[in-house]
Amino acid sequence: MKKIFLVLITVLVFSNCVTESQNNDILPYVQINETVDLSLPEFVNLNVPGGWAYGNGGIKGTIIYNINGNQFKAFERAAPHIQPTACSQMIVENSIIMKCPCDDSEFQIINGAPRTSGITNFAREYLVTNLNGTILRITNF
């Protein structure tokens, strides 16, 4: 009986755990369904690992990052810790950091994690599907 009680308590405790990246109520929900053609000039940097480019869709656009040549990440350009404003569109610095011009807060381009002390919200990440090596689909559904 004690084992069942212990298992039940453990399940209840861990079922209530939600990370900040999953529970970000600051940014509004906007559906995104974008296609990116890697052969277009504006996306040429995405053809190499570590390359990045700005894309369309989302609240203030996207930041697309090539992880290893085959896998890609896409993040919302709207800074995740403040309401969207004229200055909250993040920019990429040194090819590894997403930076908010409003307050100079920083986020990792590889996983969206905050680098600035006191910020707990991760950059909003979108799903990237590599369709055939030259076409990416970015969605949030």
C-alpha atoms as a PDB file:
ATOM      1  CA  MET A   1       0.000   0.000   0.000  1.00  0.00           C
ATOM      2  CA  LYS A   2       2.875   2.363   0.780  1.00  0.00           C
ATOM      3  CA  LYS A   3       4.352   1.765  -2.682  1.00  0.00           C
ATOM      4  CA  ILE A   4       1.081   2.683  -4.378  1.00  0.00           C
ATOM      5  CA  PHE A   5       0.795   5.829  -2.276  1.00  0.00           C
ATOM      6  CA  LEU A   6       4.408   6.799  -3.080  1.00  0.00           C
ATOM      7  CA  VAL A   7       3.868   6.237  -6.818  1.00  0.00           C
ATOM      8  CA  LEU A   8       0.647   8.249  -6.726  1.00  0.00           C
ATOM      9  CA  ILE A   9       2.327  11.182  -4.953  1.00  0.00           C
ATOM     10  CA  THR A  10       5.262  11.087  -7.402  1.00  0.00           C
ATOM     11  CA  VAL A  11       2.946  11.129 -10.423  1.00  0.00           C
ATOM     12  CA  LEU A  12       0.948  14.053  -9.016  1.00  0.00           C
ATOM     13  CA  VAL A  13       4.065  16.090  -8.247  1.00  0.00           C
ATOM     14  CA  PHE A  14       5.651  15.599 -11.661  1.00  0.00           C
ATOM     15  CA  SER A  15       2.415  16.037 -13.617  1.00  0.00           C
ATOM     16  CA  ASN A  16       2.245  19.642 -12.399  1.00  0.00           C
ATOM     17  CA  CYS A  17       5.711  20.542 -13.682  1.00  0.00           C
ATOM     18  CA  VAL A  18       5.603  22.882 -16.669  1.00  0.00           C
ATOM     19  CA  THR A  19       8.643  24.670 -18.028  1.00  0.00           C
ATOM     20  CA  GLU A  20       8.565  28.369 -18.854  1.00  0.00           C
ATOM     21  CA  SER A  21       9.075  27.526 -22.520  1.00  0.00           C
ATOM     22  CA  GLN A  22       5.775  25.631 -22.492  1.00  0.00           C
ATOM     23  CA  ASN A  23       3.862  28.167 -20.387  1.00  0.00           C
ATOM     24  CA  ASN A  24       4.569  31.526 -21.999  1.00  0.00           C
ATOM     25  CA  ASP A  25       1.429  33.632 -21.765  1.00  0.00           C
ATOM     26  CA  ILE A  26       3.145  36.903 -22.732  1.00  0.00           C
ATOM     27  CA  LEU A  27       3.147  36.332 -26.493  1.00  0.00           C
ATOM     28  CA  PRO A  28      -0.179  35.852 -28.269  1.00  0.00           C
ATOM     29  CA  TYR A  29      -0.827  32.657 -30.185  1.00  0.00           C
ATOM     30  CA  VAL A  30      -0.361  33.109 -33.927  1.00  0.00           C
ATOM     31  CA  GLN A  31      -0.635  30.185 -36.327  1.00  0.00           C
ATOM     32  CA  ILE A  32       2.373  29.731 -38.581  1.00  0.00           C
ATOM     33  CA  ASN A  33       2.699  27.604 -41.716  1.00  0.00           C
ATOM     34  CA  GLU A  34       5.632  28.862 -43.786  1.00  0.00           C
ATOM     35  CA  THR A  35       7.673  27.214 -46.541  1.00  0.00           C
ATOM     36  CA  VAL A  36      11.338  28.105 -46.980  1.00  0.00           C
ATOM     37  CA  ASP A  37      13.175  27.330 -50.225  1.00  0.00           C
ATOM     38  CA  LEU A  38      16.876  26.998 -49.400  1.00  0.00           C
ATOM     39  CA  SER A  39      17.804  27.703 -53.036  1.00  0.00           C
ATOM     40  CA  LEU A  40      16.564  31.316 -52.783  1.00  0.00           C
ATOM     41  CA  PRO A  41      19.262  33.984 -52.252  1.00  0.00           C
ATOM     42  CA  GLU A  42      17.815  35.207 -48.927  1.00  0.00           C
ATOM     43  CA  PHE A  43      18.268  31.729 -47.457  1.00  0.00           C
ATOM     44  CA  VAL A  44      21.725  30.878 -48.881  1.00  0.00           C
ATOM     45  CA  ASN A  45      23.304  31.018 -45.382  1.00  0.00           C
ATOM     46  CA  LEU A  46      21.032  28.182 -44.284  1.00  0.00           C
ATOM     47  CA  ASN A  47      22.884  25.773 -46.560  1.00  0.00           C
ATOM     48  CA  VAL A  48      25.786  25.397 -44.097  1.00  0.00           C
ATOM     49  CA  PRO A  49      25.809  24.186 -40.474  1.00  0.00           C
ATOM     50  CA  GLY A  50      25.696  27.184 -38.151  1.00  0.00           C
ATOM     51  CA  GLY A  51      24.057  29.354 -40.812  1.00  0.00           C
ATOM     52  CA  TRP A  52      20.971  31.391 -40.033  1.00  0.00           C
ATOM     53  CA  ALA A  53      18.400  33.580 -41.762  1.00  0.00           C
ATOM     54  CA  TYR A  54      15.354  35.670 -40.987  1.00  0.00           C
ATOM     55  CA  GLY A  55      12.052  34.252 -42.197  1.00  0.00           C
ATOM     56  CA  ASN A  56       8.408  35.276 -42.372  1.00  0.00           C
ATOM     57  CA  GLY A  57       5.426  34.276 -40.290  1.00  0.00           C
ATOM     58  CA  GLY A  58       4.743  34.350 -36.589  1.00  0.00           C
ATOM     59  CA  ILE A  59       4.326  37.603 -34.673  1.00  0.00           C
ATOM     60  CA  LYS A  60       7.468  39.464 -35.776  1.00  0.00           C
ATOM     61  CA  GLY A  61       9.009  36.941 -38.160  1.00  0.00           C
ATOM     62  CA  THR A  62      11.270  33.972 -37.504  1.00  0.00           C
ATOM     63  CA  ILE A  63      14.918  33.194 -36.989  1.00  0.00           C
ATOM     64  CA  ILE A  64      15.900  29.956 -38.739  1.00  0.00           C
ATOM     65  CA  TYR A  65      19.112  28.150 -37.745  1.00  0.00           C
ATOM     66  CA  ASN A  66      20.929  25.235 -39.424  1.00  0.00           C
ATOM     67  CA  ILE A  67      22.117  22.908 -36.656  1.00  0.00           C
ATOM     68  CA  ASN A  68      24.116  20.303 -38.577  1.00  0.00           C
ATOM     69  CA  GLY A  69      23.281  20.482 -42.276  1.00  0.00           C
ATOM     70  CA  ASN A  70      20.103  18.396 -42.014  1.00  0.00           C
ATOM     71  CA  GLN A  71      18.370  19.628 -38.870  1.00  0.00           C
ATOM     72  CA  PHE A  72      16.985  23.124 -38.412  1.00  0.00           C
ATOM     73  CA  LYS A  73      15.478  25.206 -35.628  1.00  0.00           C
ATOM     74  CA  ALA A  74      13.079  28.138 -35.986  1.00  0.00           C
ATOM     75  CA  PHE A  75      12.276  30.699 -33.315  1.00  0.00           C
ATOM     76  CA  GLU A  76       9.846  33.578 -33.058  1.00  0.00           C
ATOM     77  CA  ARG A  77      11.588  36.949 -33.428  1.00  0.00           C
ATOM     78  CA  ALA A  78       9.287  38.575 -30.866  1.00  0.00           C
ATOM     79  CA  ALA A  79      11.165  38.641 -27.557  1.00  0.00           C
ATOM     80  CA  PRO A  80       9.461  36.104 -25.265  1.00  0.00           C
ATOM     81  CA  HIS A  81       9.679  38.062 -22.017  1.00  0.00           C
ATOM     82  CA  ILE A  82       7.892  41.304 -22.990  1.00  0.00           C
ATOM     83  CA  GLN A  83       4.759  42.325 -24.854  1.00  0.00           C
ATOM     84  CA  PRO A  84       5.428  42.800 -28.590  1.00  0.00           C
ATOM     85  CA  THR A  85       6.479  46.397 -29.301  1.00  0.00           C
ATOM     86  CA  ALA A  86       8.342  48.274 -32.013  1.00  0.00           C
ATOM     87  CA  CYS A  87      11.714  47.359 -30.461  1.00  0.00           C
ATOM     88  CA  SER A  88      11.019  43.765 -29.370  1.00  0.00           C
ATOM     89  CA  GLN A  89      11.977  42.105 -32.677  1.00  0.00           C
ATOM     90  CA  MET A  90      15.088  40.043 -31.878  1.00  0.00           C
ATOM     91  CA  ILE A  91      18.200  40.193 -34.049  1.00  0.00           C
ATOM     92  CA  VAL A  92      21.017  37.674 -34.423  1.00  0.00           C
ATOM     93  CA  GLU A  93      24.446  38.595 -33.068  1.00  0.00           C
ATOM     94  CA  ASN A  94      27.667  36.676 -33.732  1.00  0.00           C
ATOM     95  CA  SER A  95      25.616  33.852 -35.321  1.00  0.00           C
ATOM     96  CA  ILE A  96      24.931  32.316 -31.887  1.00  0.00           C
ATOM     97  CA  ILE A  97      22.809  34.780 -29.924  1.00  0.00           C
ATOM     98  CA  MET A  98      19.319  36.211 -30.435  1.00  0.00           C
ATOM     99  CA  LYS A  99      19.174  39.670 -28.880  1.00  0.00           C
ATOM    100  CA  CYS A 100      16.254  41.929 -27.953  1.00  0.00           C
ATOM    101  CA  PRO A 101      17.053  45.584 -28.798  1.00  0.00           C
ATOM    102  CA  CYS A 102      14.584  46.848 -26.140  1.00  0.00           C
ATOM    103  CA  ASP A 103      16.683  45.755 -23.161  1.00  0.00           C
ATOM    104  CA  ASP A 104      19.689  43.890 -24.654  1.00  0.00           C
ATOM    105  CA  SER A 105      18.454  40.557 -23.274  1.00  0.00           C
ATOM    106  CA  GLU A 106      19.962  37.506 -24.973  1.00  0.00           C
ATOM    107  CA  PHE A 107      18.816  34.014 -25.917  1.00  0.00           C
ATOM    108  CA  GLN A 108      20.731  30.993 -27.279  1.00  0.00           C
ATOM    109  CA  ILE A 109      20.118  30.395 -30.993  1.00  0.00           C
ATOM    110  CA  ILE A 110      20.554  26.616 -30.575  1.00  0.00           C
ATOM    111  CA  ASN A 111      17.709  26.101 -28.082  1.00  0.00           C
ATOM    112  CA  GLY A 112      16.089  29.475 -27.269  1.00  0.00           C
ATOM    113  CA  ALA A 113      17.309  29.437 -23.658  1.00  0.00           C
ATOM    114  CA  PRO A 114      17.630  32.817 -21.943  1.00  0.00           C
ATOM    115  CA  ARG A 115      21.195  34.015 -21.312  1.00  0.00           C
ATOM    116  CA  THR A 116      20.203  37.131 -19.372  1.00  0.00           C
ATOM    117  CA  SER A 117      19.852  36.896 -15.602  1.00  0.00           C
ATOM    118  CA  GLY A 118      16.276  37.217 -14.355  1.00  0.00           C
ATOM    119  CA  ILE A 119      14.620  36.087 -17.592  1.00  0.00           C
ATOM    120  CA  THR A 120      12.978  32.679 -17.444  1.00  0.00           C
ATOM    121  CA  ASN A 121      11.025  32.560 -20.720  1.00  0.00           C
ATOM    122  CA  PHE A 122      12.574  30.668 -23.608  1.00  0.00           C
ATOM    123  CA  ALA A 123      12.249  32.005 -27.141  1.00  0.00           C
ATOM    124  CA  ARG A 124       9.144  30.512 -28.753  1.00  0.00           C
ATOM    125  CA  GLU A 125      10.211  27.603 -30.951  1.00  0.00           C
ATOM    126  CA  TYR A 126       8.393  26.421 -34.052  1.00  0.00           C
ATOM    127  CA  LEU A 127       8.480  22.961 -35.627  1.00  0.00           C
ATOM    128  CA  VAL A 128      10.757  22.681 -38.672  1.00  0.00           C
ATOM    129  CA  THR A 129      10.321  19.796 -41.114  1.00  0.00           C
ATOM    130  CA  ASN A 130      13.013  19.250 -43.737  1.00  0.00           C
ATOM    131  CA  LEU A 131      10.881  18.073 -46.659  1.00  0.00           C
ATOM    132  CA  ASN A 132      13.497  17.156 -49.265  1.00  0.00           C
ATOM    133  CA  GLY A 133      16.804  18.800 -48.393  1.00  0.00           C
ATOM    134  CA  THR A 134      15.970  22.096 -50.093  1.00  0.00           C
ATOM    135  CA  ILE A 135      12.484  22.890 -48.745  1.00  0.00           C
ATOM    136  CA  LEU A 136      11.678  23.515 -45.073  1.00  0.00           C
ATOM    137  CA  ARG A 137       8.214  23.777 -43.578  1.00  0.00           C
ATOM    138  CA  ILE A 138       7.845  25.838 -40.394  1.00  0.00           C
ATOM    139  CA  THR A 139       4.664  25.290 -38.378  1.00  0.00           C
ATOM    140  CA  ASN A 140       3.274  25.354 -34.864  1.00  0.00           C
ATOM    141  CA  PHE A 141       0.714  22.608 -35.287  1.00  0.00           C
END
